Amino acid sequence: MKSSARMRAYVPVIRRFVGRVLLFHSAVGAQLGLNATDVNCLRLLADEAMSAGELSERIGLTGAATTALIDRLEATGFARRERSKEDRRRVTIHADEEKLQEVDALYGSQGDRMTKLLAKYSAEEFAVILDFLEQTSAALGAEVQALNKAAKEASSCAP
């Protein structure tokens, strides 16, 4: 595929951005005694409780890896497993609200920086930024699904 001038300008910038996001989450995790994947999963659980299977699907880990991750979050007090009262087989993973305050505190200065940065943009420019991020997120989601599907197909064909 031929690279356009826009892609040649975009790719190095997005690589730096993604690298810094990963480093930031690793630094947050280090402060909490967690790794970056644990922190990202904890952020998902802060938004909504979910089953281990749902979490596994959202983060793209195997069931065993997700179980180990939940075990780490539970052992450090960041999450807890709760059995459903209606169906005792169903277990939901919940983030601990008090421990989330520790996590949120580590994001405070970054939130302040982003608030100042975003204030520089007009409402129209901000709408374009949001649209770009939403479209990029959707494109990445589609690519992840395609890659995972191809990997499953390849593994099912292997002897």
Protein backbone atom coordinates (compact mmCIF):
# COMPACT_ATOMS: atom_id res chain seq x y z
CA MET A 1 0.00 0.00 0.00
CA LYS A 2 1.36 3.38 -1.00
CA SER A 3 1.79 5.86 1.85
CA SER A 4 0.21 9.28 1.52
CA ALA A 5 1.82 12.50 2.74
CA ARG A 6 -0.76 12.65 5.53
CA MET A 7 0.05 9.12 6.66
CA ARG A 8 3.79 9.88 6.61
CA ALA A 9 3.13 12.84 8.90
CA TYR A 10 0.56 10.99 11.04
CA VAL A 11 2.35 7.70 11.74
CA PRO A 12 5.36 9.05 13.68
CA VAL A 13 3.12 11.33 15.75
CA ILE A 14 0.66 8.59 16.63
CA ARG A 15 3.51 6.20 17.46
CA ARG A 16 4.92 8.76 19.91
CA PHE A 17 1.44 9.34 21.34
CA VAL A 18 0.70 5.63 21.83
CA GLY A 19 4.16 5.08 23.32
CA ARG A 20 3.63 7.86 25.83
CA VAL A 21 0.16 6.58 26.73
CA LEU A 22 1.67 3.16 27.43
CA LEU A 23 4.48 4.68 29.48
CA PHE A 24 2.00 6.80 31.44
CA HIS A 25 -0.17 3.79 32.30
CA SER A 26 2.97 1.84 33.28
CA ALA A 27 4.05 4.69 35.57
CA VAL A 28 0.59 4.84 37.16
CA GLY A 29 0.68 1.08 37.61
CA ALA A 30 4.12 1.21 39.19
CA GLN A 31 2.81 3.68 41.79
CA LEU A 32 -0.01 1.25 42.61
CA GLY A 33 1.94 -2.01 42.47
CA LEU A 34 0.14 -3.00 39.27
CA ASN A 35 1.12 -3.36 35.62
CA ALA A 36 -0.31 -1.28 32.76
CA THR A 37 -2.79 -3.99 31.71
CA ASP A 38 -4.08 -4.22 35.28
CA VAL A 39 -4.56 -0.43 35.36
CA ASN A 40 -6.41 -0.42 32.04
CA CYS A 41 -8.72 -3.21 33.21
CA LEU A 42 -9.31 -1.40 36.47
CA ARG A 43 -10.34 1.69 34.48
CA LEU A 44 -12.84 -0.46 32.55
CA LEU A 45 -14.21 -1.89 35.79
CA ALA A 46 -14.53 1.64 37.19
CA ASP A 47 -17.00 2.37 34.38
CA GLU A 48 -19.01 -0.82 34.85
CA ALA A 49 -18.86 -4.14 36.65
CA MET A 50 -18.63 -7.15 34.35
CA SER A 51 -18.07 -10.87 34.30
CA ALA A 52 -14.62 -12.34 33.74
CA GLY A 53 -15.71 -13.42 30.26
CA GLU A 54 -16.88 -9.92 29.38
CA LEU A 55 -13.64 -8.44 30.69
CA SER A 56 -11.63 -11.01 28.73
CA GLU A 57 -13.48 -10.09 25.54
CA ARG A 58 -12.99 -6.35 26.11
CA ILE A 59 -9.25 -6.60 26.74
CA GLY A 60 -8.39 -9.45 24.39
CA LEU A 61 -6.77 -11.75 26.93
CA THR A 62 -7.32 -15.48 27.25
CA GLY A 63 -9.59 -16.72 30.01
CA ALA A 64 -6.62 -17.92 32.07
CA ALA A 65 -4.78 -14.61 31.70
CA THR A 66 -7.93 -12.69 32.66
CA THR A 67 -8.40 -14.90 35.73
CA ALA A 68 -4.78 -14.18 36.78
CA LEU A 69 -5.37 -10.46 36.24
CA ILE A 70 -8.54 -10.51 38.36
CA ASP A 71 -6.65 -12.47 41.02
CA ARG A 72 -3.98 -9.71 41.12
CA LEU A 73 -6.58 -6.94 41.35
CA GLU A 74 -8.42 -8.81 44.08
CA ALA A 75 -5.22 -9.59 46.04
CA THR A 76 -4.26 -5.90 46.03
CA GLY A 77 -7.77 -4.80 47.03
CA PHE A 78 -8.55 -3.00 43.77
CA ALA A 79 -11.37 -5.34 42.76
CA ARG A 80 -13.68 -7.97 44.20
CA ARG A 81 -15.70 -10.85 42.84
CA GLU A 82 -19.43 -10.90 43.65
CA ARG A 83 -21.74 -13.84 43.09
CA SER A 84 -25.16 -13.10 41.68
CA LYS A 85 -27.99 -13.61 44.15
CA GLU A 86 -30.21 -14.90 41.32
CA ASP A 87 -27.68 -17.24 39.72
CA ARG A 88 -24.84 -18.31 42.03
CA ARG A 89 -22.81 -19.48 39.02
CA ARG A 90 -22.58 -15.91 37.70
CA VAL A 91 -19.72 -13.88 39.16
CA THR A 92 -19.29 -10.17 38.48
CA ILE A 93 -16.05 -8.26 38.96
CA HIS A 94 -16.37 -4.86 40.68
CA ALA A 95 -13.74 -2.18 41.18
CA ASP A 96 -13.28 -1.04 44.78
CA GLU A 97 -14.53 2.55 45.04
CA GLU A 98 -12.04 3.61 47.74
CA LYS A 99 -9.07 2.17 45.88
CA LEU A 100 -10.28 3.90 42.69
CA GLN A 101 -9.75 7.20 44.48
CA GLU A 102 -6.04 6.31 44.73
CA VAL A 103 -6.00 5.62 41.01
CA ASP A 104 -7.89 8.81 40.16
CA ALA A 105 -5.44 10.86 42.23
CA LEU A 106 -2.61 9.68 39.97
CA TYR A 107 -4.52 10.90 36.91
CA GLY A 108 -5.26 14.32 38.43
CA SER A 109 -2.34 16.31 37.05
CA GLN A 110 -2.75 14.72 33.61
CA GLY A 111 -6.43 15.68 33.70
CA ASP A 112 -5.45 19.24 34.56
CA ARG A 113 -2.98 19.35 31.66
CA MET A 114 -5.56 18.01 29.24
CA THR A 115 -8.19 20.49 30.46
CA LYS A 116 -5.79 23.35 29.69
CA LEU A 117 -4.87 21.87 26.33
CA LEU A 118 -8.46 21.29 25.26
CA ALA A 119 -9.43 24.84 26.26
CA LYS A 120 -7.23 26.07 23.37
CA TYR A 121 -9.65 24.66 20.80
CA SER A 122 -12.94 26.13 19.61
CA ALA A 123 -16.11 24.07 19.96
CA GLU A 124 -15.89 23.21 16.25
CA GLU A 125 -12.25 22.13 16.50
CA PHE A 126 -13.02 20.09 19.59
CA ALA A 127 -15.87 18.37 17.74
CA VAL A 128 -13.41 17.42 14.97
CA ILE A 129 -10.95 16.07 17.55
CA LEU A 130 -13.67 13.95 19.18
CA ASP A 131 -14.87 12.68 15.81
CA PHE A 132 -11.33 11.74 14.80
CA LEU A 133 -10.76 9.87 18.05
CA GLU A 134 -14.10 8.04 17.79
CA GLN A 135 -13.43 7.09 14.15
CA THR A 136 -9.89 5.98 15.01
CA SER A 137 -11.19 3.89 17.91
CA ALA A 138 -13.76 2.24 15.64
CA ALA A 139 -11.12 1.54 12.97
CA LEU A 140 -8.80 -0.01 15.54
CA GLY A 141 -11.64 -2.11 16.92
CA ALA A 142 -12.42 -3.43 13.46
CA GLU A 143 -8.75 -4.25 12.84
CA VAL A 144 -8.48 -6.07 16.19
CA GLN A 145 -11.52 -8.18 15.30
CA ALA A 146 -10.11 -8.98 11.86
CA LEU A 147 -6.72 -9.96 13.27
CA ASN A 148 -8.29 -12.10 16.01
CA LYS A 149 -10.55 -13.81 13.48
CA ALA A 150 -7.59 -14.53 11.20
CA ALA A 151 -5.59 -15.93 14.13
CA LYS A 152 -8.48 -18.23 15.14
CA GLU A 153 -8.89 -19.44 11.58
CA ALA A 154 -5.16 -20.07 11.25
CA SER A 155 -5.03 -21.99 14.54
CA SER A 156 -8.05 -24.10 13.62
CA CYS A 157 -6.37 -25.10 10.35
CA ALA A 158 -3.03 -25.98 11.97
CA PRO A 159 -2.34 -29.72 12.36
